[in-house]
Amino acid sequence: MGIPREPKPVKLFVALLSSREELFASVEQAMRALFGATDSTSGSLPWAVTDYYKNEMGSGLLRRFVSFAPLISPESLAEIKLKTQELEKGYQWREDEKKGRQVNIDPGYLDGGKIVLASTKGASHRIYLSAGIYGEVTLLYQGASFQPSTNTYPDYLWPETLSFFTGLRSLYLNQLKEAR
């Protein structure tokens, strides 16, 4: 019989999406107030995976990943998703411009073997966490590299993204070593 154990802490990151790169600094500052110091940031990558966000955020979207130094409990992912949704509300377009968000903030976490994303949308490949939030394993670390699932978003397969997460995994494993 297995013995229940507390999980190891995990590495929190967010995926930012916006047509206004100048917002990233402000959003990152607000997130540092919520989640602690940042320790890794990707470059801003042009994002044209789908037109899903075009009416809400405009064209010329950019993707950026940001991670946070403090490790978190994996069970806090749902609460963090709710906090990022509240933060997005502070970046709404003015009524006389466009409606909706100017920035999309999607949190997730990384551990030694996987990357998990939070979502408000249920699907067959997602498990319910709490408070209307679901979790999705989007990448698995196997054979010295990240491997996709059948539902992995295309931008999580870009070489720049995989390189960012490979470096982040090393940073995370070093943090665990130092904490022992």
N, C-alpha and C. Protein backbone atom coordinates (compact mmCIF):
# COMPACT_ATOMS: atom_id res chain seq x y z
N MET A 1 0.84 -1.17 0.00
CA MET A 1 0.00 0.00 0.00
C MET A 1 0.89 1.24 0.00
N GLY A 2 0.53 2.19 -0.82
CA GLY A 2 1.28 3.44 -0.88
C GLY A 2 1.02 4.31 0.34
N ILE A 3 1.97 5.17 0.63
CA ILE A 3 1.85 6.10 1.74
C ILE A 3 1.73 7.51 1.18
N PRO A 4 0.64 8.23 1.49
CA PRO A 4 0.51 9.60 1.00
C PRO A 4 1.65 10.48 1.52
N ARG A 5 2.21 11.27 0.62
CA ARG A 5 3.30 12.18 0.96
C ARG A 5 3.01 13.55 0.37
N GLU A 6 3.55 14.55 1.01
CA GLU A 6 3.46 15.90 0.47
C GLU A 6 4.31 15.96 -0.80
N PRO A 7 3.83 16.63 -1.85
CA PRO A 7 4.63 16.74 -3.07
C PRO A 7 5.78 17.72 -2.87
N LYS A 8 6.79 17.58 -3.70
CA LYS A 8 7.87 18.56 -3.73
C LYS A 8 7.30 19.89 -4.22
N PRO A 9 7.89 20.99 -3.80
CA PRO A 9 7.45 22.27 -4.36
C PRO A 9 7.80 22.33 -5.85
N VAL A 10 7.11 23.18 -6.56
CA VAL A 10 7.25 23.29 -8.02
C VAL A 10 7.59 24.73 -8.40
N LYS A 11 7.96 24.90 -9.66
CA LYS A 11 8.39 26.20 -10.19
C LYS A 11 7.22 26.88 -10.90
N LEU A 12 6.77 28.00 -10.39
CA LEU A 12 5.69 28.77 -11.00
C LEU A 12 6.22 29.59 -12.18
N PHE A 13 5.45 29.59 -13.26
CA PHE A 13 5.72 30.47 -14.39
C PHE A 13 4.39 30.98 -14.93
N VAL A 14 4.46 32.03 -15.71
CA VAL A 14 3.29 32.51 -16.44
C VAL A 14 3.66 32.69 -17.90
N ALA A 15 2.67 32.48 -18.75
CA ALA A 15 2.80 32.78 -20.17
C ALA A 15 1.98 34.04 -20.43
N LEU A 16 2.65 35.09 -20.89
CA LEU A 16 1.98 36.36 -21.18
C LEU A 16 1.73 36.46 -22.68
N LEU A 17 0.61 37.06 -23.04
CA LEU A 17 0.28 37.28 -24.45
C LEU A 17 -0.36 38.66 -24.57
N SER A 18 0.19 39.49 -25.45
CA SER A 18 -0.35 40.83 -25.65
C SER A 18 0.16 41.39 -26.97
N SER A 19 -0.59 42.34 -27.51
CA SER A 19 -0.11 43.07 -28.69
C SER A 19 0.67 44.31 -28.27
N ARG A 20 0.74 44.56 -26.97
CA ARG A 20 1.41 45.76 -26.45
C ARG A 20 2.58 45.34 -25.56
N GLU A 21 3.75 45.21 -26.17
CA GLU A 21 4.93 44.76 -25.43
C GLU A 21 5.25 45.66 -24.24
N GLU A 22 4.91 46.94 -24.35
CA GLU A 22 5.21 47.86 -23.25
C GLU A 22 4.42 47.52 -21.97
N LEU A 23 3.36 46.73 -22.08
CA LEU A 23 2.60 46.32 -20.89
C LEU A 23 3.33 45.25 -20.08
N PHE A 24 4.22 44.50 -20.71
CA PHE A 24 4.84 43.38 -20.01
C PHE A 24 5.54 43.81 -18.72
N ALA A 25 6.26 44.92 -18.75
CA ALA A 25 6.98 45.37 -17.55
C ALA A 25 6.02 45.66 -16.41
N SER A 26 4.91 46.32 -16.71
CA SER A 26 3.92 46.64 -15.69
C SER A 26 3.25 45.38 -15.13
N VAL A 27 2.91 44.46 -16.01
CA VAL A 27 2.29 43.21 -15.59
C VAL A 27 3.26 42.40 -14.73
N GLU A 28 4.51 42.34 -15.15
CA GLU A 28 5.52 41.60 -14.38
C GLU A 28 5.71 42.21 -13.00
N GLN A 29 5.69 43.53 -12.91
CA GLN A 29 5.81 44.19 -11.61
C GLN A 29 4.63 43.82 -10.71
N ALA A 30 3.43 43.84 -11.26
CA ALA A 30 2.24 43.47 -10.48
C ALA A 30 2.31 42.01 -10.03
N MET A 31 2.82 41.15 -10.89
CA MET A 31 2.93 39.73 -10.52
C MET A 31 4.00 39.51 -9.46
N ARG A 32 5.08 40.27 -9.50
CA ARG A 32 6.10 40.15 -8.45
C ARG A 32 5.51 40.48 -7.08
N ALA A 33 4.59 41.44 -7.05
CA ALA A 33 3.93 41.77 -5.78
C ALA A 33 3.08 40.60 -5.28
N LEU A 34 2.56 39.81 -6.19
CA LEU A 34 1.72 38.66 -5.82
C LEU A 34 2.52 37.39 -5.56
N PHE A 35 3.53 37.13 -6.39
CA PHE A 35 4.18 35.82 -6.39
C PHE A 35 5.66 35.84 -6.03
N GLY A 36 6.24 37.00 -5.84
CA GLY A 36 7.65 37.09 -5.48
C GLY A 36 8.53 37.46 -6.67
N ALA A 37 9.82 37.51 -6.41
CA ALA A 37 10.80 37.92 -7.42
C ALA A 37 10.77 37.00 -8.63
N THR A 38 11.04 37.58 -9.80
CA THR A 38 11.18 36.77 -11.00
C THR A 38 12.63 36.33 -11.12
N ASP A 39 12.84 35.18 -11.75
CA ASP A 39 14.22 34.70 -11.91
C ASP A 39 14.56 34.27 -13.33
N SER A 40 13.59 34.27 -14.22
CA SER A 40 13.87 33.94 -15.61
C SER A 40 12.77 34.53 -16.49
N THR A 41 13.18 35.11 -17.59
CA THR A 41 12.23 35.71 -18.54
C THR A 41 12.69 35.38 -19.95
N SER A 42 11.76 34.93 -20.76
CA SER A 42 12.09 34.66 -22.17
C SER A 42 12.07 35.97 -22.94
N GLY A 43 12.52 35.91 -24.17
CA GLY A 43 12.32 37.04 -25.06
C GLY A 43 10.86 37.10 -25.47
N SER A 44 10.48 38.18 -26.11
CA SER A 44 9.12 38.32 -26.64
C SER A 44 9.09 37.72 -28.03
N LEU A 45 8.25 36.73 -28.22
CA LEU A 45 8.18 36.00 -29.48
C LEU A 45 6.91 36.35 -30.24
N PRO A 46 7.00 36.65 -31.54
CA PRO A 46 5.79 36.88 -32.32
C PRO A 46 4.89 35.65 -32.26
N TRP A 47 3.60 35.90 -32.06
CA TRP A 47 2.65 34.81 -31.82
C TRP A 47 1.50 34.93 -32.80
N ALA A 48 1.37 33.98 -33.71
CA ALA A 48 0.28 33.98 -34.68
C ALA A 48 -0.30 32.58 -34.81
N VAL A 49 -0.48 31.92 -33.67
CA VAL A 49 -0.94 30.53 -33.65
C VAL A 49 -2.39 30.42 -34.10
N THR A 50 -3.22 31.39 -33.70
CA THR A 50 -4.64 31.38 -34.01
C THR A 50 -5.17 32.82 -34.00
N ASP A 51 -6.34 33.04 -34.56
CA ASP A 51 -6.99 34.35 -34.51
C ASP A 51 -7.91 34.49 -33.29
N TYR A 52 -7.88 33.52 -32.40
CA TYR A 52 -8.78 33.47 -31.24
C TYR A 52 -8.79 34.78 -30.45
N TYR A 53 -7.64 35.40 -30.26
CA TYR A 53 -7.52 36.61 -29.43
C TYR A 53 -7.57 37.92 -30.23
N LYS A 54 -7.67 37.84 -31.54
CA LYS A 54 -7.53 39.04 -32.39
C LYS A 54 -8.57 40.12 -32.06
N ASN A 55 -9.85 39.76 -31.95
CA ASN A 55 -10.88 40.76 -31.67
C ASN A 55 -10.69 41.40 -30.30
N GLU A 56 -10.18 40.62 -29.36
CA GLU A 56 -10.01 41.11 -28.00
C GLU A 56 -8.73 41.91 -27.81
N MET A 57 -7.63 41.43 -28.37
CA MET A 57 -6.32 42.03 -28.09
C MET A 57 -5.65 42.66 -29.30
N GLY A 58 -6.23 42.49 -30.47
CA GLY A 58 -5.62 43.06 -31.66
C GLY A 58 -4.66 42.09 -32.33
N SER A 59 -3.95 42.58 -33.34
CA SER A 59 -3.00 41.74 -34.06
C SER A 59 -1.58 42.05 -33.59
N GLY A 60 -0.62 41.32 -34.12
CA GLY A 60 0.77 41.53 -33.72
C GLY A 60 1.03 41.07 -32.30
N LEU A 61 0.43 39.95 -31.92
CA LEU A 61 0.58 39.45 -30.55
C LEU A 61 2.00 38.95 -30.29
N LEU A 62 2.40 39.10 -29.04
CA LEU A 62 3.72 38.63 -28.58
C LEU A 62 3.54 37.72 -27.38
N ARG A 63 4.35 36.67 -27.33
CA ARG A 63 4.34 35.71 -26.22
C ARG A 63 5.62 35.91 -25.41
N ARG A 64 5.48 35.90 -24.10
CA ARG A 64 6.64 35.96 -23.20
C ARG A 64 6.37 35.05 -22.00
N PHE A 65 7.41 34.34 -21.57
CA PHE A 65 7.33 33.49 -20.39
C PHE A 65 8.14 34.12 -19.27
N VAL A 66 7.60 34.06 -18.06
CA VAL A 66 8.26 34.61 -16.88
C VAL A 66 8.13 33.60 -15.75
N SER A 67 9.23 33.34 -15.03
CA SER A 67 9.16 32.44 -13.88
C SER A 67 9.50 33.19 -12.61
N PHE A 68 9.12 32.60 -11.50
CA PHE A 68 9.26 33.23 -10.19
C PHE A 68 10.20 32.43 -9.31
N ALA A 69 11.02 33.15 -8.54
CA ALA A 69 12.03 32.51 -7.70
C ALA A 69 11.42 31.63 -6.60
N PRO A 70 10.41 32.10 -5.87
CA PRO A 70 9.87 31.24 -4.81
C PRO A 70 9.19 30.00 -5.39
N LEU A 71 9.52 28.85 -4.86
CA LEU A 71 8.83 27.63 -5.26
C LEU A 71 7.47 27.61 -4.57
N ILE A 72 6.52 26.93 -5.19
CA ILE A 72 5.14 26.90 -4.67
C ILE A 72 4.69 25.46 -4.48
N SER A 73 3.60 25.29 -3.76
CA SER A 73 2.94 23.99 -3.68
C SER A 73 2.13 23.80 -4.96
N PRO A 74 2.16 22.61 -5.56
CA PRO A 74 1.38 22.42 -6.78
C PRO A 74 -0.12 22.63 -6.57
N GLU A 75 -0.59 22.41 -5.36
CA GLU A 75 -2.02 22.57 -5.11
C GLU A 75 -2.47 24.03 -5.14
N SER A 76 -1.54 24.97 -5.19
CA SER A 76 -1.91 26.39 -5.22
C SER A 76 -2.17 26.90 -6.64
N LEU A 77 -2.03 26.05 -7.65
CA LEU A 77 -2.18 26.50 -9.04
C LEU A 77 -3.56 27.10 -9.32
N ALA A 78 -4.62 26.50 -8.80
CA ALA A 78 -5.97 27.03 -9.05
C ALA A 78 -6.12 28.43 -8.47
N GLU A 79 -5.66 28.62 -7.25
CA GLU A 79 -5.73 29.94 -6.61
C GLU A 79 -4.92 30.97 -7.40
N ILE A 80 -3.77 30.56 -7.90
CA ILE A 80 -2.93 31.47 -8.70
C ILE A 80 -3.64 31.85 -10.00
N LYS A 81 -4.30 30.89 -10.63
CA LYS A 81 -5.05 31.19 -11.86
C LYS A 81 -6.12 32.24 -11.59
N LEU A 82 -6.81 32.11 -10.47
CA LEU A 82 -7.84 33.10 -10.13
C LEU A 82 -7.22 34.48 -9.91
N LYS A 83 -6.05 34.53 -9.30
CA LYS A 83 -5.36 35.81 -9.09
C LYS A 83 -4.93 36.43 -10.41
N THR A 84 -4.46 35.61 -11.34
CA THR A 84 -4.04 36.17 -12.64
C THR A 84 -5.25 36.66 -13.43
N GLN A 85 -6.39 36.01 -13.27
CA GLN A 85 -7.59 36.51 -13.95
C GLN A 85 -7.99 37.88 -13.40
N GLU A 86 -7.88 38.06 -12.09
CA GLU A 86 -8.17 39.36 -11.50
C GLU A 86 -7.19 40.41 -12.01
N LEU A 87 -5.93 40.03 -12.12
CA LEU A 87 -4.91 40.95 -12.63
C LEU A 87 -5.22 41.36 -14.07
N GLU A 88 -5.66 40.42 -14.90
CA GLU A 88 -6.03 40.73 -16.29
C GLU A 88 -7.10 41.82 -16.35
N LYS A 89 -8.03 41.80 -15.40
CA LYS A 89 -9.12 42.78 -15.40
C LYS A 89 -8.60 44.21 -15.26
N GLY A 90 -7.45 44.36 -14.65
CA GLY A 90 -6.84 45.69 -14.53
C GLY A 90 -6.23 46.19 -15.82
N TYR A 91 -6.20 45.33 -16.83
CA TYR A 91 -5.63 45.70 -18.13
C TYR A 91 -6.68 45.58 -19.24
N GLN A 92 -7.89 46.06 -18.94
CA GLN A 92 -8.96 46.08 -19.94
C GLN A 92 -8.77 47.27 -20.86
N TRP A 93 -9.21 47.15 -22.08
CA TRP A 93 -9.23 48.29 -22.99
C TRP A 93 -10.25 49.29 -22.48
N ARG A 94 -10.03 50.57 -22.78
CA ARG A 94 -11.04 51.57 -22.44
C ARG A 94 -12.29 51.32 -23.28
N GLU A 95 -13.43 51.69 -22.77
CA GLU A 95 -14.70 51.45 -23.47
C GLU A 95 -14.73 52.04 -24.87
N ASP A 96 -14.05 53.17 -25.09
CA ASP A 96 -14.10 53.80 -26.40
C ASP A 96 -13.09 53.20 -27.38
N GLU A 97 -12.33 52.21 -26.94
CA GLU A 97 -11.37 51.55 -27.84
C GLU A 97 -11.89 50.16 -28.20
N LYS A 98 -11.38 49.18 -27.53
CA LYS A 98 -11.79 47.80 -27.79
C LYS A 98 -12.31 47.23 -26.49
N LYS A 99 -12.97 46.13 -26.56
CA LYS A 99 -13.43 45.47 -25.35
C LYS A 99 -12.57 44.25 -25.07
N GLY A 100 -12.42 43.96 -23.82
CA GLY A 100 -11.66 42.78 -23.44
C GLY A 100 -10.29 43.12 -22.88
N ARG A 101 -9.51 42.09 -22.75
CA ARG A 101 -8.18 42.21 -22.13
C ARG A 101 -7.16 42.74 -23.11
N GLN A 102 -6.17 43.41 -22.56
CA GLN A 102 -5.00 43.79 -23.34
C GLN A 102 -3.89 42.77 -23.16
N VAL A 103 -4.02 41.95 -22.13
CA VAL A 103 -3.00 40.94 -21.85
C VAL A 103 -3.68 39.67 -21.34
N ASN A 104 -3.16 38.55 -21.78
CA ASN A 104 -3.59 37.24 -21.31
C ASN A 104 -2.47 36.69 -20.42
N ILE A 105 -2.82 36.24 -19.22
CA ILE A 105 -1.84 35.72 -18.27
C ILE A 105 -2.22 34.29 -17.93
N ASP A 106 -1.45 33.33 -18.40
CA ASP A 106 -1.74 31.92 -18.14
C ASP A 106 -0.66 31.33 -17.24
N PRO A 107 -1.01 30.99 -15.99
CA PRO A 107 -0.02 30.39 -15.10
C PRO A 107 0.11 28.89 -15.31
N GLY A 108 1.26 28.40 -14.92
CA GLY A 108 1.52 26.97 -14.92
C GLY A 108 2.67 26.69 -13.98
N TYR A 109 3.01 25.42 -13.89
CA TYR A 109 4.19 25.09 -13.10
C TYR A 109 5.00 24.00 -13.78
N LEU A 110 6.25 23.96 -13.38
CA LEU A 110 7.21 22.98 -13.88
C LEU A 110 7.75 22.22 -12.69
N ASP A 111 7.86 20.90 -12.85
CA ASP A 111 8.63 20.11 -11.89
C ASP A 111 9.64 19.32 -12.71
N GLY A 112 10.32 18.38 -12.11
CA GLY A 112 11.36 17.67 -12.84
C GLY A 112 10.86 16.85 -14.02
N GLY A 113 9.58 16.51 -14.03
CA GLY A 113 9.07 15.61 -15.07
C GLY A 113 7.99 16.14 -15.97
N LYS A 114 7.49 17.34 -15.70
CA LYS A 114 6.36 17.81 -16.50
C LYS A 114 6.15 19.31 -16.37
N ILE A 115 5.33 19.81 -17.30
CA ILE A 115 4.83 21.18 -17.25
C ILE A 115 3.31 21.09 -17.21
N VAL A 116 2.72 21.76 -16.23
CA VAL A 116 1.27 21.75 -16.02
C VAL A 116 0.73 23.16 -16.21
N LEU A 117 -0.33 23.29 -16.98
CA LEU A 117 -0.99 24.57 -17.21
C LEU A 117 -2.34 24.60 -16.50
N ALA A 118 -2.77 25.78 -16.11
CA ALA A 118 -4.09 25.98 -15.51
C ALA A 118 -5.04 26.51 -16.57
N SER A 119 -6.30 26.09 -16.49
CA SER A 119 -7.31 26.53 -17.45
C SER A 119 -8.67 26.63 -16.77
N THR A 120 -9.51 27.51 -17.28
CA THR A 120 -10.90 27.57 -16.82
C THR A 120 -11.79 26.65 -17.64
N LYS A 121 -11.24 26.06 -18.68
CA LYS A 121 -12.02 25.23 -19.59
C LYS A 121 -11.77 23.75 -19.31
N GLY A 122 -12.84 23.03 -19.04
CA GLY A 122 -12.73 21.59 -18.86
C GLY A 122 -12.62 20.91 -20.22
N ALA A 123 -11.94 19.79 -20.24
CA ALA A 123 -11.80 18.99 -21.46
C ALA A 123 -11.41 17.58 -21.03
N SER A 124 -11.49 16.64 -21.94
CA SER A 124 -11.22 15.24 -21.60
C SER A 124 -9.80 15.01 -21.09
N HIS A 125 -8.86 15.84 -21.48
CA HIS A 125 -7.47 15.66 -21.08
C HIS A 125 -7.08 16.52 -19.88
N ARG A 126 -8.04 17.18 -19.27
CA ARG A 126 -7.77 18.05 -18.11
C ARG A 126 -8.44 17.47 -16.87
N ILE A 127 -7.79 17.70 -15.73
CA ILE A 127 -8.38 17.25 -14.47
C ILE A 127 -8.81 18.47 -13.66
N TYR A 128 -9.89 18.30 -12.92
CA TYR A 128 -10.40 19.39 -12.11
C TYR A 128 -9.49 19.58 -10.90
N LEU A 129 -9.13 20.84 -10.64
CA LEU A 129 -8.30 21.16 -9.47
C LEU A 129 -9.19 21.68 -8.34
N SER A 130 -9.76 22.86 -8.52
CA SER A 130 -10.71 23.45 -7.58
C SER A 130 -11.17 24.80 -8.12
N ALA A 131 -12.25 25.32 -7.53
CA ALA A 131 -12.74 26.67 -7.83
C ALA A 131 -12.93 26.93 -9.33
N GLY A 132 -13.35 25.93 -10.08
CA GLY A 132 -13.59 26.10 -11.51
C GLY A 132 -12.35 26.08 -12.37
N ILE A 133 -11.23 25.61 -11.81
CA ILE A 133 -9.96 25.59 -12.53
C ILE A 133 -9.52 24.15 -12.78
N TYR A 134 -9.00 23.92 -13.98
CA TYR A 134 -8.52 22.61 -14.40
C TYR A 134 -7.02 22.64 -14.62
N GLY A 135 -6.40 21.48 -14.55
CA GLY A 135 -4.97 21.36 -14.82
C GLY A 135 -4.74 20.46 -16.02
N GLU A 136 -3.70 20.78 -16.78
CA GLU A 136 -3.37 20.02 -17.98
C GLU A 136 -1.86 19.80 -18.04
N VAL A 137 -1.45 18.54 -18.14
CA VAL A 137 -0.04 18.25 -18.39
C VAL A 137 0.18 18.49 -19.87
N THR A 138 1.01 19.47 -20.19
CA THR A 138 1.20 19.83 -21.60
C THR A 138 2.52 19.34 -22.17
N LEU A 139 3.55 19.19 -21.33
CA LEU A 139 4.84 18.65 -21.76
C LEU A 139 5.34 17.68 -20.69
N LEU A 140 5.92 16.59 -21.13
CA LEU A 140 6.57 15.62 -20.24
C LEU A 140 8.06 15.63 -20.51
N TYR A 141 8.85 15.53 -19.45
CA TYR A 141 10.30 15.46 -19.62
C TYR A 141 10.69 13.99 -19.65
N GLN A 142 11.10 13.51 -20.82
CA GLN A 142 11.48 12.11 -21.02
C GLN A 142 12.67 12.05 -21.96
N GLY A 143 13.62 11.19 -21.63
CA GLY A 143 14.77 11.01 -22.52
C GLY A 143 15.58 12.27 -22.71
N ALA A 144 15.74 13.06 -21.68
CA ALA A 144 16.57 14.27 -21.69
C ALA A 144 15.99 15.43 -22.48
N SER A 145 14.67 15.41 -22.74
CA SER A 145 14.04 16.55 -23.40
C SER A 145 12.54 16.54 -23.13
N PHE A 146 11.92 17.68 -23.38
CA PHE A 146 10.48 17.78 -23.22
C PHE A 146 9.78 17.17 -24.43
N GLN A 147 8.73 16.40 -24.15
CA GLN A 147 7.94 15.73 -25.18
C GLN A 147 6.50 16.22 -25.09
N PRO A 148 5.85 16.43 -26.24
CA PRO A 148 4.48 16.94 -26.23
C PRO A 148 3.46 15.84 -25.98
N SER A 149 2.26 16.28 -25.62
CA SER A 149 1.10 15.39 -25.63
C SER A 149 0.32 15.71 -26.91
N THR A 150 -0.75 15.00 -27.13
CA THR A 150 -1.54 15.27 -28.34
C THR A 150 -2.25 16.62 -28.26
N ASN A 151 -2.35 17.20 -27.06
CA ASN A 151 -3.04 18.48 -26.88
C ASN A 151 -2.11 19.65 -26.58
N THR A 152 -0.82 19.48 -26.74
CA THR A 152 0.13 20.55 -26.46
C THR A 152 -0.08 21.71 -27.43
N TYR A 153 -0.16 22.92 -26.88
CA TYR A 153 -0.30 24.11 -27.72
C TYR A 153 0.94 24.27 -28.60
N PRO A 154 0.76 24.71 -29.86
CA PRO A 154 1.90 24.81 -30.78
C PRO A 154 3.05 25.68 -30.28
N ASP A 155 2.74 26.77 -29.57
CA ASP A 155 3.82 27.65 -29.12
C ASP A 155 4.66 27.02 -28.01
N TYR A 156 4.16 25.99 -27.38
CA TYR A 156 4.96 25.26 -26.38
C TYR A 156 5.93 24.29 -27.04
N LEU A 157 5.84 24.16 -28.36
CA LEU A 157 6.76 23.30 -29.11
C LEU A 157 7.82 24.10 -29.86
N TRP A 158 7.73 25.41 -29.85
CA TRP A 158 8.74 26.23 -30.52
C TRP A 158 10.10 25.99 -29.88
N PRO A 159 11.16 25.97 -30.68
CA PRO A 159 12.50 25.78 -30.12
C PRO A 159 12.84 26.77 -29.00
N GLU A 160 12.43 28.03 -29.17
CA GLU A 160 12.72 29.05 -28.14
C GLU A 160 12.00 28.72 -26.83
N THR A 161 10.77 28.23 -26.94
CA THR A 161 10.01 27.88 -25.74
C THR A 161 10.62 26.66 -25.06
N LEU A 162 10.94 25.64 -25.85
CA LEU A 162 11.55 24.43 -25.27
C LEU A 162 12.89 24.75 -24.63
N SER A 163 13.65 25.64 -25.24
CA SER A 163 14.93 26.05 -24.66
C SER A 163 14.71 26.78 -23.33
N PHE A 164 13.72 27.67 -23.29
CA PHE A 164 13.41 28.37 -22.05
C PHE A 164 13.06 27.38 -20.94
N PHE A 165 12.19 26.42 -21.25
CA PHE A 165 11.76 25.47 -20.22
C PHE A 165 12.86 24.49 -19.83
N THR A 166 13.73 24.15 -20.76
CA THR A 166 14.87 23.30 -20.41
C THR A 166 15.79 24.02 -19.42
N GLY A 167 16.05 25.30 -19.68
CA GLY A 167 16.85 26.09 -18.74
C GLY A 167 16.14 26.27 -17.41
N LEU A 168 14.83 26.47 -17.46
CA LEU A 168 14.05 26.63 -16.24
C LEU A 168 14.05 25.35 -15.41
N ARG A 169 14.01 24.21 -16.08
CA ARG A 169 14.07 22.93 -15.37
C ARG A 169 15.39 22.81 -14.62
N SER A 170 16.49 23.18 -15.26
CA SER A 170 17.81 23.14 -14.59
C SER A 170 17.83 24.07 -13.38
N LEU A 171 17.29 25.27 -13.54
CA LEU A 171 17.22 26.22 -12.44
C LEU A 171 16.41 25.63 -11.28
N TYR A 172 15.28 25.03 -11.60
CA TYR A 172 14.41 24.41 -10.60
C TYR A 172 15.14 23.28 -9.86
N LEU A 173 15.79 22.39 -10.60
CA LEU A 173 16.49 21.27 -9.96
C LEU A 173 17.61 21.77 -9.04
N ASN A 174 18.30 22.84 -9.44
CA ASN A 174 19.32 23.44 -8.58
C ASN A 174 18.69 24.03 -7.32
N GLN A 175 17.53 24.65 -7.45
CA GLN A 175 16.84 25.18 -6.28
C GLN A 175 16.50 24.06 -5.29
N LEU A 176 16.03 22.93 -5.81
CA LEU A 176 15.70 21.80 -4.93
C LEU A 176 16.95 21.30 -4.22
N LYS A 177 18.06 21.20 -4.95
CA LYS A 177 19.33 20.75 -4.35
C LYS A 177 19.76 21.68 -3.22
N GLU A 178 19.69 22.97 -3.49
CA GLU A 178 20.12 23.96 -2.49
C GLU A 178 19.22 23.96 -1.26
N ALA A 179 17.97 23.56 -1.43
CA ALA A 179 17.02 23.56 -0.31
C ALA A 179 17.22 22.37 0.63
N ARG A 180 17.95 21.35 0.18
CA ARG A 180 18.16 20.15 1.01
C ARG A 180 19.06 20.42 2.17
